[in-house]
Amino acid sequence: MPISQTRPIKHFAFLLIASLVPITSFASVKVNGSFTASERCPAFQSIKKQANPGDWYTDSGNTYQALQLNKPNGDWVQLAIPGAHPQERWVNLNCGKADFTQSQSPSFTASQNNKRQNNQCQIPNQHDSYVLAVSWQKGFCEHNKNANQKPECRAINHNKLTVNNLTLHGLWPNRNVCGTQYGYCEPAEPMRLSPSTIKAIAPWMPNFYYETDFGEYQWKKHGACQNRADDDYFLLATKLVQQVDQSVVGQFIKANIGKSVPVTHFREMMVASLGESATQGIQLSCLNGHYLQEIRLSLPNDFEQHSTLRAKLEAYSAQTGFKKRGQGKAFRGNCQANIRIED
């Protein structure tokens, strides 16, 4: 196994030492070679924030591809961690033995940073629509191969937590010309949520019962691309999930828990209740093609101006130009003809 998929007791001594390491503004440098871990250490997405989405650790004795150092002759190495999202993670050099050489020039220069800032897919507030991704947590936690990394899934799978509603994966600002690449507009911007917001979100994003890692990842990748404050963004996303959960979408899913249903039947119910043009903005996502894990709903930029879910979806359809042809396939997404809604 390339890396630990359980949440071990934190190495507080290591984290204390790591927190005292000065982080400078030197450009990182590419390296060629590998790094062999001699102990279990946290694999951070961000050195400064010590953010560790998914709570990944190196395994003693395992060898990983080395990508770059945080600076010339630096003390942090970025590794490719198989299975982690994202895979690029920073580990302190004291955690193992380096077997790599440094390139002669920095891998991320100031000019490259400026180029990234000028990338139209990384400029904040340039989105032309949103995607609201809501999860059927039971399907995800039972069938996603990395689910046991997540404390909420471990709790659900061991009957220590019950989640019977749709949950929030994310509210994603979207820019049509960027496809799925619009994001990371302000990657250094930390997430700041009040305790009351975290408490309000938790029933709709159960990871918040245990940690904030997943929320931080969603904020860094998506939330920082729009201009709402952190609390406002997550609370708005939570209200949207509640609206979907109470709609015909959530009603259909909960009425068919533990059953396998034809996707065509699911779509027919949506068209009968929401209309053809609104259903255009709905797409399913399945694990292994069969187990429902997510529903994605496309919304217009001004979705807050439309009170009902149907009105939001119809406004998106009007914005993009409604096309009836081929919508059955679009609704199905990556799912097979029949899907199972896990209980």
C-alpha atoms as a PDB file:
ATOM      1  CA  MET A   1       0.000   0.000   0.000  1.00  0.00           C
ATOM      2  CA  PRO A   2       1.660   3.289  -1.151  1.00  0.00           C
ATOM      3  CA  ILE A   3       0.455   5.429   1.704  1.00  0.00           C
ATOM      4  CA  SER A   4      -1.569   5.202   4.882  1.00  0.00           C
ATOM      5  CA  GLN A   5      -5.333   5.274   4.452  1.00  0.00           C
ATOM      6  CA  THR A   6      -6.100   5.445   8.160  1.00  0.00           C
ATOM      7  CA  ARG A   7      -5.973   8.455  10.449  1.00  0.00           C
ATOM      8  CA  PRO A   8      -3.066   7.755  12.835  1.00  0.00           C
ATOM      9  CA  ILE A   9      -2.359   9.687  16.003  1.00  0.00           C
ATOM     10  CA  LYS A  10      -0.846  12.971  14.926  1.00  0.00           C
ATOM     11  CA  HIS A  11       2.897  13.449  15.341  1.00  0.00           C
ATOM     12  CA  PHE A  12       2.646  16.556  17.449  1.00  0.00           C
ATOM     13  CA  ALA A  13       6.403  16.838  17.940  1.00  0.00           C
ATOM     14  CA  PHE A  14       7.000  16.760  14.194  1.00  0.00           C
ATOM     15  CA  LEU A  15       4.266  19.284  13.532  1.00  0.00           C
ATOM     16  CA  LEU A  16       5.687  21.606  16.161  1.00  0.00           C
ATOM     17  CA  ILE A  17       9.133  21.420  14.593  1.00  0.00           C
ATOM     18  CA  ALA A  18       7.661  21.819  11.121  1.00  0.00           C
ATOM     19  CA  SER A  19       5.701  24.877  12.180  1.00  0.00           C
ATOM     20  CA  LEU A  20       8.928  26.552  13.270  1.00  0.00           C
ATOM     21  CA  VAL A  21      10.591  26.102   9.871  1.00  0.00           C
ATOM     22  CA  PRO A  22      10.704  29.503   8.180  1.00  0.00           C
ATOM     23  CA  ILE A  23       8.856  29.624   4.871  1.00  0.00           C
ATOM     24  CA  THR A  24      10.578  31.979   2.464  1.00  0.00           C
ATOM     25  CA  SER A  25       9.571  33.479  -0.842  1.00  0.00           C
ATOM     26  CA  PHE A  26      12.300  31.671  -2.832  1.00  0.00           C
ATOM     27  CA  ALA A  27      11.127  30.018  -6.016  1.00  0.00           C
ATOM     28  CA  SER A  28      10.876  26.248  -5.903  1.00  0.00           C
ATOM     29  CA  VAL A  29      13.283  24.143  -7.935  1.00  0.00           C
ATOM     30  CA  LYS A  30      12.587  20.996  -9.883  1.00  0.00           C
ATOM     31  CA  VAL A  31      14.316  17.787  -8.847  1.00  0.00           C
ATOM     32  CA  ASN A  32      14.888  14.500 -10.633  1.00  0.00           C
ATOM     33  CA  GLY A  33      14.811  11.323  -8.603  1.00  0.00           C
ATOM     34  CA  SER A  34      13.057   9.813  -5.628  1.00  0.00           C
ATOM     35  CA  PHE A  35      12.543  10.098  -1.896  1.00  0.00           C
ATOM     36  CA  THR A  36      12.333   7.123   0.486  1.00  0.00           C
ATOM     37  CA  ALA A  37      10.399   7.732   3.698  1.00  0.00           C
ATOM     38  CA  SER A  38      11.997   6.522   6.922  1.00  0.00           C
ATOM     39  CA  GLU A  39       8.949   7.299   9.071  1.00  0.00           C
ATOM     40  CA  ARG A  40       5.271   8.185   8.855  1.00  0.00           C
ATOM     41  CA  CYS A  41       4.935  11.918   8.234  1.00  0.00           C
ATOM     42  CA  PRO A  42       2.060  14.164   7.116  1.00  0.00           C
ATOM     43  CA  ALA A  43       1.937  14.980   3.417  1.00  0.00           C
ATOM     44  CA  PHE A  44       0.829  18.595   3.133  1.00  0.00           C
ATOM     45  CA  GLN A  45      -0.842  20.271   0.170  1.00  0.00           C
ATOM     46  CA  SER A  46       0.313  23.607   1.597  1.00  0.00           C
ATOM     47  CA  ILE A  47       3.459  24.069   3.674  1.00  0.00           C
ATOM     48  CA  LYS A  48       2.391  27.429   5.098  1.00  0.00           C
ATOM     49  CA  LYS A  49      -1.118  26.317   6.094  1.00  0.00           C
ATOM     50  CA  GLN A  50      -0.113  22.692   6.744  1.00  0.00           C
ATOM     51  CA  ALA A  51      -3.331  21.722   4.978  1.00  0.00           C
ATOM     52  CA  ASN A  52      -3.635  17.979   4.422  1.00  0.00           C
ATOM     53  CA  PRO A  53      -6.862  17.163   2.496  1.00  0.00           C
ATOM     54  CA  GLY A  54      -7.676  13.486   3.045  1.00  0.00           C
ATOM     55  CA  ASP A  55      -5.157  13.242   5.916  1.00  0.00           C
ATOM     56  CA  TRP A  56      -2.400  11.499   3.941  1.00  0.00           C
ATOM     57  CA  TYR A  57       0.839  10.238   5.489  1.00  0.00           C
ATOM     58  CA  THR A  58       3.997   8.701   4.084  1.00  0.00           C
ATOM     59  CA  ASP A  59       4.693   5.073   4.934  1.00  0.00           C
ATOM     60  CA  SER A  60       8.093   4.131   6.296  1.00  0.00           C
ATOM     61  CA  GLY A  61      10.125   2.300   3.674  1.00  0.00           C
ATOM     62  CA  ASN A  62       8.070   3.461   0.702  1.00  0.00           C
ATOM     63  CA  THR A  63       9.731   5.327  -2.162  1.00  0.00           C
ATOM     64  CA  TYR A  64       8.000   8.213  -3.912  1.00  0.00           C
ATOM     65  CA  GLN A  65       8.712  10.287  -7.007  1.00  0.00           C
ATOM     66  CA  ALA A  66      10.267  13.620  -6.008  1.00  0.00           C
ATOM     67  CA  LEU A  67       8.990  16.662  -7.927  1.00  0.00           C
ATOM     68  CA  GLN A  68      10.560  19.800  -6.462  1.00  0.00           C
ATOM     69  CA  LEU A  69      12.100  21.482  -3.421  1.00  0.00           C
ATOM     70  CA  ASN A  70      10.469  24.503  -1.835  1.00  0.00           C
ATOM     71  CA  LYS A  71      13.639  26.534  -2.598  1.00  0.00           C
ATOM     72  CA  PRO A  72      17.229  25.907  -3.716  1.00  0.00           C
ATOM     73  CA  ASN A  73      18.703  23.441  -1.185  1.00  0.00           C
ATOM     74  CA  GLY A  74      15.382  23.658   0.648  1.00  0.00           C
ATOM     75  CA  ASP A  75      14.045  21.626   3.531  1.00  0.00           C
ATOM     76  CA  TRP A  76      10.702  20.549   2.028  1.00  0.00           C
ATOM     77  CA  VAL A  77      10.291  18.189  -0.907  1.00  0.00           C
ATOM     78  CA  GLN A  78       7.147  17.839  -3.011  1.00  0.00           C
ATOM     79  CA  LEU A  79       6.277  14.219  -3.736  1.00  0.00           C
ATOM     80  CA  ALA A  80       3.763  12.486  -6.002  1.00  0.00           C
ATOM     81  CA  ILE A  81       1.512  10.597  -3.583  1.00  0.00           C
ATOM     82  CA  PRO A  82      -0.561   7.926  -5.398  1.00  0.00           C
ATOM     83  CA  GLY A  83      -4.248   8.159  -4.505  1.00  0.00           C
ATOM     84  CA  ALA A  84      -4.093  11.600  -2.870  1.00  0.00           C
ATOM     85  CA  HIS A  85      -6.164  14.484  -4.276  1.00  0.00           C
ATOM     86  CA  PRO A  86      -4.213  16.441  -5.301  1.00  0.00           C
ATOM     87  CA  GLN A  87      -1.266  14.052  -5.617  1.00  0.00           C
ATOM     88  CA  GLU A  88       1.381  16.775  -5.204  1.00  0.00           C
ATOM     89  CA  ARG A  89       2.217  16.889  -1.471  1.00  0.00           C
ATOM     90  CA  TRP A  90       4.997  18.473   0.609  1.00  0.00           C
ATOM     91  CA  VAL A  91       7.000  16.404   3.099  1.00  0.00           C
ATOM     92  CA  ASN A  92       9.834  17.567   5.340  1.00  0.00           C
ATOM     93  CA  LEU A  93      13.232  16.266   4.216  1.00  0.00           C
ATOM     94  CA  ASN A  94      13.884  15.010   7.760  1.00  0.00           C
ATOM     95  CA  CYS A  95      11.222  12.383   7.092  1.00  0.00           C
ATOM     96  CA  GLY A  96      13.462  10.228   4.890  1.00  0.00           C
ATOM     97  CA  LYS A  97      16.335   9.878   2.472  1.00  0.00           C
ATOM     98  CA  ALA A  98      16.597  11.928  -0.707  1.00  0.00           C
ATOM     99  CA  ASP A  99      17.951  10.382  -3.887  1.00  0.00           C
ATOM    100  CA  PHE A 100      17.565  13.188  -6.390  1.00  0.00           C
ATOM    101  CA  THR A 101      19.400  16.027  -8.118  1.00  0.00           C
ATOM    102  CA  GLN A 102      18.286  19.644  -8.347  1.00  0.00           C
ATOM    103  CA  SER A 103      17.782  21.381 -11.662  1.00  0.00           C
ATOM    104  CA  GLN A 104      19.864  24.458 -12.403  1.00  0.00           C
ATOM    105  CA  SER A 105      16.949  26.899 -12.594  1.00  0.00           C
ATOM    106  CA  PRO A 106      13.857  27.560 -10.462  1.00  0.00           C
ATOM    107  CA  SER A 107      10.773  25.634 -11.580  1.00  0.00           C
ATOM    108  CA  PHE A 108       8.344  28.401 -10.701  1.00  0.00           C
ATOM    109  CA  THR A 109       9.703  31.844 -11.483  1.00  0.00           C
ATOM    110  CA  ALA A 110       8.088  35.204 -10.958  1.00  0.00           C
ATOM    111  CA  SER A 111       7.346  35.470 -14.684  1.00  0.00           C
ATOM    112  CA  GLN A 112       5.606  32.086 -14.599  1.00  0.00           C
ATOM    113  CA  ASN A 113       3.616  33.205 -11.588  1.00  0.00           C
ATOM    114  CA  ASN A 114       2.498  36.300 -13.488  1.00  0.00           C
ATOM    115  CA  LYS A 115       1.534  34.076 -16.427  1.00  0.00           C
ATOM    116  CA  ARG A 116      -0.595  31.962 -14.092  1.00  0.00           C
ATOM    117  CA  GLN A 117      -2.299  35.082 -12.757  1.00  0.00           C
ATOM    118  CA  ASN A 118      -3.066  36.169 -16.321  1.00  0.00           C
ATOM    119  CA  ASN A 119      -4.560  32.796 -17.229  1.00  0.00           C
ATOM    120  CA  GLN A 120      -8.226  33.464 -17.991  1.00  0.00           C
ATOM    121  CA  CYS A 121      -9.145  30.230 -16.185  1.00  0.00           C
ATOM    122  CA  GLN A 122      -7.563  31.421 -12.929  1.00  0.00           C
ATOM    123  CA  ILE A 123      -8.817  34.997 -12.714  1.00  0.00           C
ATOM    124  CA  PRO A 124     -11.458  35.464  -9.988  1.00  0.00           C
ATOM    125  CA  ASN A 125     -14.967  36.657 -10.788  1.00  0.00           C
ATOM    126  CA  GLN A 126     -14.770  35.722 -14.466  1.00  0.00           C
ATOM    127  CA  HIS A 127     -17.266  32.847 -14.187  1.00  0.00           C
ATOM    128  CA  ASP A 128     -20.398  32.765 -16.325  1.00  0.00           C
ATOM    129  CA  SER A 129     -22.357  30.101 -14.406  1.00  0.00           C
ATOM    130  CA  TYR A 130     -22.166  27.708 -11.454  1.00  0.00           C
ATOM    131  CA  VAL A 131     -22.294  23.971 -10.911  1.00  0.00           C
ATOM    132  CA  LEU A 132     -23.829  22.734  -7.677  1.00  0.00           C
ATOM    133  CA  ALA A 133     -22.596  19.220  -6.900  1.00  0.00           C
ATOM    134  CA  VAL A 134     -24.655  17.351  -4.308  1.00  0.00           C
ATOM    135  CA  SER A 135     -23.731  13.896  -3.038  1.00  0.00           C
ATOM    136  CA  TRP A 136     -25.630  10.799  -2.055  1.00  0.00           C
ATOM    137  CA  GLN A 137     -23.249  10.118   0.802  1.00  0.00           C
ATOM    138  CA  LYS A 138     -24.119   6.459   1.295  1.00  0.00           C
ATOM    139  CA  GLY A 139     -23.278   5.549  -2.285  1.00  0.00           C
ATOM    140  CA  PHE A 140     -20.010   7.465  -2.150  1.00  0.00           C
ATOM    141  CA  CYS A 141     -18.891   6.104   1.213  1.00  0.00           C
ATOM    142  CA  GLU A 142     -19.697   2.501   0.370  1.00  0.00           C
ATOM    143  CA  HIS A 143     -18.092   2.326  -3.058  1.00  0.00           C
ATOM    144  CA  ASN A 144     -15.376   4.992  -3.405  1.00  0.00           C
ATOM    145  CA  LYS A 145     -12.023   3.226  -3.039  1.00  0.00           C
ATOM    146  CA  ASN A 146     -10.582   6.049  -0.926  1.00  0.00           C
ATOM    147  CA  ALA A 147     -13.661   6.586   1.247  1.00  0.00           C
ATOM    148  CA  ASN A 148     -12.110   5.090   4.372  1.00  0.00           C
ATOM    149  CA  GLN A 149      -9.671   7.997   4.480  1.00  0.00           C
ATOM    150  CA  LYS A 150     -12.596  10.252   5.286  1.00  0.00           C
ATOM    151  CA  PRO A 151     -13.762  10.299   8.912  1.00  0.00           C
ATOM    152  CA  GLU A 152     -17.397  10.856   7.954  1.00  0.00           C
ATOM    153  CA  CYS A 153     -17.345   7.776   5.716  1.00  0.00           C
ATOM    154  CA  ARG A 154     -15.728   5.648   8.400  1.00  0.00           C
ATOM    155  CA  ALA A 155     -18.462   6.767  10.782  1.00  0.00           C
ATOM    156  CA  ILE A 156     -21.219   6.076   8.234  1.00  0.00           C
ATOM    157  CA  ASN A 157     -19.832   2.679   7.265  1.00  0.00           C
ATOM    158  CA  HIS A 158     -19.583   1.660  10.934  1.00  0.00           C
ATOM    159  CA  ASN A 159     -23.084   2.915  11.773  1.00  0.00           C
ATOM    160  CA  LYS A 160     -21.768   5.716  13.992  1.00  0.00           C
ATOM    161  CA  LEU A 161     -23.226   8.460  11.810  1.00  0.00           C
ATOM    162  CA  THR A 162     -26.506   8.505   9.906  1.00  0.00           C
ATOM    163  CA  VAL A 163     -26.929  10.784   6.893  1.00  0.00           C
ATOM    164  CA  ASN A 164     -30.292  10.505   5.118  1.00  0.00           C
ATOM    165  CA  ASN A 165     -30.172  13.745   3.141  1.00  0.00           C
ATOM    166  CA  LEU A 166     -28.277  14.932   0.103  1.00  0.00           C
ATOM    167  CA  THR A 167     -24.991  16.571   1.047  1.00  0.00           C
ATOM    168  CA  LEU A 168     -22.735  19.272  -0.363  1.00  0.00           C
ATOM    169  CA  HIS A 169     -19.798  18.350  -2.534  1.00  0.00           C
ATOM    170  CA  GLY A 170     -19.273  21.887  -3.755  1.00  0.00           C
ATOM    171  CA  LEU A 171     -20.594  25.047  -5.358  1.00  0.00           C
ATOM    172  CA  TRP A 172     -18.291  25.616  -8.305  1.00  0.00           C
ATOM    173  CA  PRO A 173     -18.011  28.875 -10.245  1.00  0.00           C
ATOM    174  CA  ASN A 174     -17.761  27.859 -13.886  1.00  0.00           C
ATOM    175  CA  ARG A 175     -16.408  29.516 -17.017  1.00  0.00           C
ATOM    176  CA  ASN A 176     -17.560  27.915 -20.229  1.00  0.00           C
ATOM    177  CA  VAL A 177     -14.385  28.556 -22.233  1.00  0.00           C
ATOM    178  CA  CYS A 178     -12.327  26.858 -19.505  1.00  0.00           C
ATOM    179  CA  GLY A 179     -14.271  23.610 -19.391  1.00  0.00           C
ATOM    180  CA  THR A 180     -13.470  22.007 -16.036  1.00  0.00           C
ATOM    181  CA  GLN A 181     -10.266  24.020 -15.578  1.00  0.00           C
ATOM    182  CA  TYR A 182     -11.648  27.211 -13.999  1.00  0.00           C
ATOM    183  CA  GLY A 183     -10.315  27.293 -10.458  1.00  0.00           C
ATOM    184  CA  TYR A 184      -7.442  27.977  -8.078  1.00  0.00           C
ATOM    185  CA  CYS A 185      -7.864  31.716  -8.613  1.00  0.00           C
ATOM    186  CA  GLU A 186      -6.324  32.594  -5.238  1.00  0.00           C
ATOM    187  CA  PRO A 187      -4.545  29.392  -4.157  1.00  0.00           C
ATOM    188  CA  ALA A 188      -2.847  31.066  -1.203  1.00  0.00           C
ATOM    189  CA  GLU A 189      -6.111  32.447   0.198  1.00  0.00           C
ATOM    190  CA  PRO A 190      -6.943  30.583   3.442  1.00  0.00           C
ATOM    191  CA  MET A 191     -10.472  29.609   4.414  1.00  0.00           C
ATOM    192  CA  ARG A 192     -11.889  31.512   7.380  1.00  0.00           C
ATOM    193  CA  LEU A 193     -15.162  30.211   8.813  1.00  0.00           C
ATOM    194  CA  SER A 194     -16.846  31.107  12.078  1.00  0.00           C
ATOM    195  CA  PRO A 195     -17.690  28.269  14.516  1.00  0.00           C
ATOM    196  CA  SER A 196     -21.396  28.930  13.979  1.00  0.00           C
ATOM    197  CA  THR A 197     -20.986  28.492  10.215  1.00  0.00           C
ATOM    198  CA  ILE A 198     -19.104  25.219  10.663  1.00  0.00           C
ATOM    199  CA  LYS A 199     -21.882  23.961  12.925  1.00  0.00           C
ATOM    200  CA  ALA A 200     -24.562  24.961  10.402  1.00  0.00           C
ATOM    201  CA  ILE A 201     -22.725  23.319   7.501  1.00  0.00           C
ATOM    202  CA  ALA A 202     -21.932  19.987   9.193  1.00  0.00           C
ATOM    203  CA  PRO A 203     -25.313  18.244   8.602  1.00  0.00           C
ATOM    204  CA  TRP A 204     -24.992  19.110   4.909  1.00  0.00           C
ATOM    205  CA  MET A 205     -21.232  18.545   4.561  1.00  0.00           C
ATOM    206  CA  PRO A 206     -20.555  15.846   7.183  1.00  0.00           C
ATOM    207  CA  ASN A 207     -16.776  16.160   6.959  1.00  0.00           C
ATOM    208  CA  PHE A 208     -17.264  19.317   9.068  1.00  0.00           C
ATOM    209  CA  TYR A 209     -18.326  17.147  12.011  1.00  0.00           C
ATOM    210  CA  TYR A 210     -14.714  15.992  12.240  1.00  0.00           C
ATOM    211  CA  GLU A 211     -12.406  18.417  10.407  1.00  0.00           C
ATOM    212  CA  THR A 212     -12.408  21.213   7.826  1.00  0.00           C
ATOM    213  CA  ASP A 213      -9.967  19.720   5.298  1.00  0.00           C
ATOM    214  CA  PHE A 214     -12.527  19.059   2.580  1.00  0.00           C
ATOM    215  CA  GLY A 215     -14.057  22.508   2.979  1.00  0.00           C
ATOM    216  CA  GLU A 216     -10.607  24.101   2.759  1.00  0.00           C
ATOM    217  CA  TYR A 217      -9.937  22.208  -0.453  1.00  0.00           C
ATOM    218  CA  GLN A 218     -13.267  23.338  -1.919  1.00  0.00           C
ATOM    219  CA  TRP A 219     -12.576  26.935  -0.919  1.00  0.00           C
ATOM    220  CA  LYS A 220      -9.080  27.008  -2.380  1.00  0.00           C
ATOM    221  CA  LYS A 221     -10.107  25.369  -5.650  1.00  0.00           C
ATOM    222  CA  HIS A 222     -13.543  26.963  -6.164  1.00  0.00           C
ATOM    223  CA  GLY A 223     -14.712  29.393  -3.496  1.00  0.00           C
ATOM    224  CA  ALA A 224     -11.882  31.883  -3.903  1.00  0.00           C
ATOM    225  CA  CYS A 225     -12.902  32.351  -7.560  1.00  0.00           C
ATOM    226  CA  GLN A 226     -16.035  34.270  -6.557  1.00  0.00           C
ATOM    227  CA  ASN A 227     -16.477  37.395  -4.436  1.00  0.00           C
ATOM    228  CA  ARG A 228     -18.631  36.197  -1.521  1.00  0.00           C
ATOM    229  CA  ALA A 229     -17.041  36.002   1.902  1.00  0.00           C
ATOM    230  CA  ASP A 230     -16.156  32.540   3.169  1.00  0.00           C
ATOM    231  CA  ASP A 231     -19.107  32.244   5.564  1.00  0.00           C
ATOM    232  CA  ASP A 232     -21.576  33.616   3.019  1.00  0.00           C
ATOM    233  CA  TYR A 233     -20.338  31.288   0.283  1.00  0.00           C
ATOM    234  CA  PHE A 234     -20.674  28.107   2.340  1.00  0.00           C
ATOM    235  CA  LEU A 235     -23.972  29.082   3.926  1.00  0.00           C
ATOM    236  CA  LEU A 236     -25.399  29.875   0.489  1.00  0.00           C
ATOM    237  CA  ALA A 237     -24.177  26.522  -0.838  1.00  0.00           C
ATOM    238  CA  THR A 238     -25.795  24.818   2.151  1.00  0.00           C
ATOM    239  CA  LYS A 239     -29.144  26.502   1.416  1.00  0.00           C
ATOM    240  CA  LEU A 240     -28.930  25.338  -2.179  1.00  0.00           C
ATOM    241  CA  VAL A 241     -28.353  21.739  -1.105  1.00  0.00           C
ATOM    242  CA  GLN A 242     -31.326  21.970   1.253  1.00  0.00           C
ATOM    243  CA  GLN A 243     -33.450  23.219  -1.629  1.00  0.00           C
ATOM    244  CA  VAL A 244     -32.389  20.308  -3.839  1.00  0.00           C
ATOM    245  CA  ASP A 245     -32.912  17.834  -0.993  1.00  0.00           C
ATOM    246  CA  GLN A 246     -36.483  19.070  -0.499  1.00  0.00           C
ATOM    247  CA  SER A 247     -37.222  19.127  -4.230  1.00  0.00           C
ATOM    248  CA  VAL A 248     -38.404  16.329  -6.491  1.00  0.00           C
ATOM    249  CA  VAL A 249     -34.736  15.379  -6.934  1.00  0.00           C
ATOM    250  CA  GLY A 250     -34.261  14.595  -3.250  1.00  0.00           C
ATOM    251  CA  GLN A 251     -37.743  13.111  -2.961  1.00  0.00           C
ATOM    252  CA  PHE A 252     -37.096  10.671  -5.804  1.00  0.00           C
ATOM    253  CA  ILE A 253     -33.793   9.525  -4.338  1.00  0.00           C
ATOM    254  CA  LYS A 254     -35.186   9.003  -0.847  1.00  0.00           C
ATOM    255  CA  ALA A 255     -38.260   7.186  -2.204  1.00  0.00           C
ATOM    256  CA  ASN A 256     -35.955   4.690  -3.946  1.00  0.00           C
ATOM    257  CA  ILE A 257     -33.339   4.032  -1.246  1.00  0.00           C
ATOM    258  CA  GLY A 258     -32.102   0.468  -1.469  1.00  0.00           C
ATOM    259  CA  LYS A 259     -33.453   0.022  -4.998  1.00  0.00           C
ATOM    260  CA  SER A 260     -32.105  -0.169  -8.529  1.00  0.00           C
ATOM    261  CA  VAL A 261     -33.959   2.167 -10.866  1.00  0.00           C
ATOM    262  CA  PRO A 262     -33.735   2.925 -14.592  1.00  0.00           C
ATOM    263  CA  VAL A 263     -32.134   6.274 -15.363  1.00  0.00           C
ATOM    264  CA  THR A 264     -34.895   6.879 -17.888  1.00  0.00           C
ATOM    265  CA  HIS A 265     -37.455   6.621 -15.072  1.00  0.00           C
ATOM    266  CA  PHE A 266     -35.468   9.093 -12.962  1.00  0.00           C
ATOM    267  CA  ARG A 267     -35.348  11.552 -15.866  1.00  0.00           C
ATOM    268  CA  GLU A 268     -39.034  11.117 -16.689  1.00  0.00           C
ATOM    269  CA  MET A 269     -39.919  12.049 -13.114  1.00  0.00           C
ATOM    270  CA  MET A 270     -37.720  15.165 -13.318  1.00  0.00           C
ATOM    271  CA  VAL A 271     -39.276  16.247 -16.630  1.00  0.00           C
ATOM    272  CA  ALA A 272     -42.795  15.671 -15.292  1.00  0.00           C
ATOM    273  CA  SER A 273     -42.126  17.856 -12.246  1.00  0.00           C
ATOM    274  CA  LEU A 274     -39.540  20.401 -13.432  1.00  0.00           C
ATOM    275  CA  GLY A 275     -40.049  20.492 -17.177  1.00  0.00           C
ATOM    276  CA  GLU A 276     -37.784  19.590 -20.069  1.00  0.00           C
ATOM    277  CA  SER A 277     -35.687  22.755 -20.103  1.00  0.00           C
ATOM    278  CA  ALA A 278     -34.971  22.646 -16.352  1.00  0.00           C
ATOM    279  CA  THR A 279     -33.974  18.974 -16.530  1.00  0.00           C
ATOM    280  CA  GLN A 280     -31.379  19.971 -19.129  1.00  0.00           C
ATOM    281  CA  GLY A 281     -29.261  21.327 -16.278  1.00  0.00           C
ATOM    282  CA  ILE A 282     -29.178  18.083 -14.256  1.00  0.00           C
ATOM    283  CA  GLN A 283     -26.572  15.350 -14.622  1.00  0.00           C
ATOM    284  CA  LEU A 284     -25.949  12.158 -12.642  1.00  0.00           C
ATOM    285  CA  SER A 285     -22.609  10.753 -11.565  1.00  0.00           C
ATOM    286  CA  CYS A 286     -22.054   7.135 -10.559  1.00  0.00           C
ATOM    287  CA  LEU A 287     -19.289   4.998  -9.113  1.00  0.00           C
ATOM    288  CA  ASN A 288     -18.464   1.951 -11.221  1.00  0.00           C
ATOM    289  CA  GLY A 289     -21.198   3.165 -13.549  1.00  0.00           C
ATOM    290  CA  HIS A 290     -23.909   1.799 -11.279  1.00  0.00           C
ATOM    291  CA  TYR A 291     -23.904   3.321  -7.777  1.00  0.00           C
ATOM    292  CA  LEU A 292     -25.318   6.838  -7.550  1.00  0.00           C
ATOM    293  CA  GLN A 293     -22.845   9.135  -5.814  1.00  0.00           C
ATOM    294  CA  GLU A 294     -23.657  12.633  -7.064  1.00  0.00           C
ATOM    295  CA  ILE A 295     -26.078  14.907  -8.881  1.00  0.00           C
ATOM    296  CA  ARG A 296     -24.722  18.007 -10.603  1.00  0.00           C
ATOM    297  CA  LEU A 297     -26.982  20.956 -11.299  1.00  0.00           C
ATOM    298  CA  SER A 298     -26.010  23.817 -13.621  1.00  0.00           C
ATOM    299  CA  LEU A 299     -27.099  27.251 -12.417  1.00  0.00           C
ATOM    300  CA  PRO A 300     -26.858  30.733 -13.943  1.00  0.00           C
ATOM    301  CA  ASN A 301     -24.677  33.460 -12.472  1.00  0.00           C
ATOM    302  CA  ASP A 302     -27.738  35.221 -11.077  1.00  0.00           C
ATOM    303  CA  PHE A 303     -29.279  32.107  -9.508  1.00  0.00           C
ATOM    304  CA  GLU A 304     -30.037  34.013  -6.299  1.00  0.00           C
ATOM    305  CA  GLN A 305     -32.586  36.062  -8.257  1.00  0.00           C
ATOM    306  CA  HIS A 306     -34.681  32.929  -8.889  1.00  0.00           C
ATOM    307  CA  SER A 307     -36.534  31.534  -5.889  1.00  0.00           C
ATOM    308  CA  THR A 308     -37.382  27.967  -6.926  1.00  0.00           C
ATOM    309  CA  LEU A 309     -35.069  25.229  -8.108  1.00  0.00           C
ATOM    310  CA  ARG A 310     -37.047  24.980 -11.330  1.00  0.00           C
ATOM    311  CA  ALA A 311     -36.622  28.694 -12.003  1.00  0.00           C
ATOM    312  CA  LYS A 312     -32.873  28.464 -11.375  1.00  0.00           C
ATOM    313  CA  LEU A 313     -32.479  25.555 -13.766  1.00  0.00           C
ATOM    314  CA  GLU A 314     -34.692  27.141 -16.418  1.00  0.00           C
ATOM    315  CA  ALA A 315     -32.689  30.355 -16.225  1.00  0.00           C
ATOM    316  CA  TYR A 316     -29.518  28.379 -16.914  1.00  0.00           C
ATOM    317  CA  SER A 317     -31.224  26.644 -19.836  1.00  0.00           C
ATOM    318  CA  ALA A 318     -32.291  30.018 -21.246  1.00  0.00           C
ATOM    319  CA  GLN A 319     -28.771  31.401 -20.789  1.00  0.00           C
ATOM    320  CA  THR A 320     -27.121  28.561 -22.684  1.00  0.00           C
ATOM    321  CA  GLY A 321     -29.854  27.956 -25.252  1.00  0.00           C
ATOM    322  CA  PHE A 322     -32.203  25.041 -24.670  1.00  0.00           C
ATOM    323  CA  LYS A 323     -31.611  22.036 -26.904  1.00  0.00           C
ATOM    324  CA  LYS A 324     -33.889  19.077 -26.375  1.00  0.00           C
ATOM    325  CA  ARG A 325     -31.946  16.687 -28.574  1.00  0.00           C
ATOM    326  CA  GLY A 326     -29.544  14.367 -26.732  1.00  0.00           C
ATOM    327  CA  GLN A 327     -30.526  15.433 -23.242  1.00  0.00           C
ATOM    328  CA  GLY A 328     -31.245  11.864 -22.117  1.00  0.00           C
ATOM    329  CA  LYS A 329     -27.577  11.004 -22.548  1.00  0.00           C
ATOM    330  CA  ALA A 330     -26.466  14.229 -20.858  1.00  0.00           C
ATOM    331  CA  PHE A 331     -28.713  13.521 -17.868  1.00  0.00           C
ATOM    332  CA  ARG A 332     -27.282  10.023 -17.463  1.00  0.00           C
ATOM    333  CA  GLY A 333     -23.705  11.271 -17.257  1.00  0.00           C
ATOM    334  CA  ASN A 334     -21.320   8.372 -16.627  1.00  0.00           C
ATOM    335  CA  CYS A 335     -24.067   6.132 -15.224  1.00  0.00           C
ATOM    336  CA  GLN A 336     -25.297   2.911 -16.761  1.00  0.00           C
ATOM    337  CA  ALA A 337     -28.921   2.403 -17.786  1.00  0.00           C
ATOM    338  CA  ASN A 338     -29.830   1.274 -14.241  1.00  0.00           C
ATOM    339  CA  ILE A 339     -28.499   2.806 -11.062  1.00  0.00           C
ATOM    340  CA  ARG A 340     -28.585   1.717  -7.435  1.00  0.00           C
ATOM    341  CA  ILE A 341     -29.383   4.138  -4.625  1.00  0.00           C
ATOM    342  CA  GLU A 342     -27.615   2.680  -1.596  1.00  0.00           C
ATOM    343  CA  ASP A 343     -29.242   2.529   1.841  1.00  0.00           C
END
